[in-house]
Protein backbone atom coordinates (compact mmCIF):
# COMPACT_ATOMS: atom_id res chain seq x y z
CA UNK A 1 -9.86 8.93 -3.21
CA UNK A 2 -7.69 6.13 -4.91
CA UNK A 3 -9.59 3.09 -5.75
CA UNK A 4 -8.52 -0.25 -4.97
CA UNK A 5 -6.29 -2.07 -7.55
CA UNK A 6 -7.95 -4.76 -9.75
CA UNK A 7 -6.93 -8.34 -8.98
CA UNK A 8 -4.55 -7.85 -12.42
CA UNK A 9 -2.72 -5.19 -10.81
CA UNK A 10 -2.13 -6.12 -7.56
CA UNK A 11 0.91 -7.50 -6.68
CA UNK A 12 0.52 -11.15 -4.80
CA UNK A 13 2.64 -9.86 -1.92
CA UNK A 14 2.83 -5.86 -2.12
CA UNK A 15 5.95 -4.78 -1.40
CA UNK A 16 8.01 -1.53 -0.01
CA UNK A 17 8.05 1.54 -2.45
CA UNK A 18 11.49 2.28 -1.34
CA UNK A 19 14.06 2.26 -4.02
CA UNK A 20 15.73 -1.32 -4.32
CA UNK A 21 13.54 -2.96 -1.52
CA UNK A 22 11.57 -6.04 -2.21
CA UNK A 23 10.73 -6.45 1.55
CA UNK A 24 7.00 -7.24 1.97
CA UNK A 25 4.70 -4.35 2.63
CA UNK A 26 3.05 -3.51 6.36
CA UNK A 27 2.05 0.05 5.98
CA UNK A 28 0.25 2.25 3.70
CA UNK A 29 1.45 5.86 3.27
CA UNK A 30 -1.41 8.30 1.95
CA UNK A 31 -0.29 11.40 0.46
CA UNK A 32 -1.45 14.05 -1.88
CA UNK A 33 0.54 17.00 -3.65
CA UNK A 34 -2.05 20.14 -3.05
CA UNK A 35 -0.37 21.55 -5.99
CA UNK A 36 -1.38 18.54 -8.40
CA UNK A 37 -4.29 16.89 -6.90
CA UNK A 38 -7.60 17.94 -5.05
CA UNK A 39 -7.77 18.03 -1.34
CA UNK A 40 -9.65 14.43 -1.33
CA UNK A 41 -7.42 12.71 -3.59
CA UNK A 42 -4.92 10.24 -1.82
CA UNK A 43 -2.14 8.66 -3.62
CA UNK A 44 -0.10 5.46 -1.77
CA UNK A 45 3.43 4.19 -0.92
CA UNK A 46 3.59 1.04 0.93
CA UNK A 47 6.53 0.73 3.34
CA UNK A 48 8.13 -2.00 5.03
CA UNK A 49 9.08 -1.71 9.26
CA UNK A 50 12.55 -0.59 7.86
CA UNK A 51 11.75 2.21 5.40
CA UNK A 52 8.16 3.57 7.04
CA UNK A 53 10.15 6.34 8.85
CA UNK A 54 12.03 7.58 6.05
CA UNK A 55 9.20 7.34 3.36
CA UNK A 56 7.22 9.04 5.93
CA UNK A 57 9.75 11.72 6.70
CA UNK A 58 10.12 12.24 3.30
CA UNK A 59 6.50 12.90 2.54
CA UNK A 60 5.72 15.21 5.28
CA UNK A 61 8.72 17.47 5.07
CA UNK A 62 6.94 18.44 1.42
CA UNK A 63 3.63 18.73 3.39
CA UNK A 64 2.02 15.65 1.57
CA UNK A 65 1.71 12.97 4.00
CA UNK A 66 -1.92 12.63 5.15
CA UNK A 67 -1.93 9.28 7.04
CA UNK A 68 -0.08 6.28 7.87
CA UNK A 69 -2.31 3.21 8.17
CA UNK A 70 -1.35 -0.63 8.60
CA UNK A 71 -1.65 -2.60 5.43
CA UNK A 72 -4.08 -4.96 6.75
CA UNK A 73 -6.56 -2.21 8.09
CA UNK A 74 -6.23 -0.24 4.99
CA UNK A 75 -7.37 -3.06 3.17
CA UNK A 76 -9.84 -3.86 5.41
CA UNK A 77 -11.86 -0.57 5.10
CA UNK A 78 -11.63 -0.72 0.95
CA UNK A 79 -9.58 2.41 0.94
């Protein structure tokens, strides 16, 4: 599992991971590439409302998407 970012690495306002998008992130897309990562490893992308479906679909088609969680819930869980 990915460790939370340190305060130095964590952006003050998390932004969407979609190329060119600077909108506030509201979703965390947890994923892994089974050819590269152990099963328990989770990489994350952040998504705004507009790009959640597109980014989720991109990961899901490749079999990488593991979970989609609200950013607030993700932060509260300490994932």
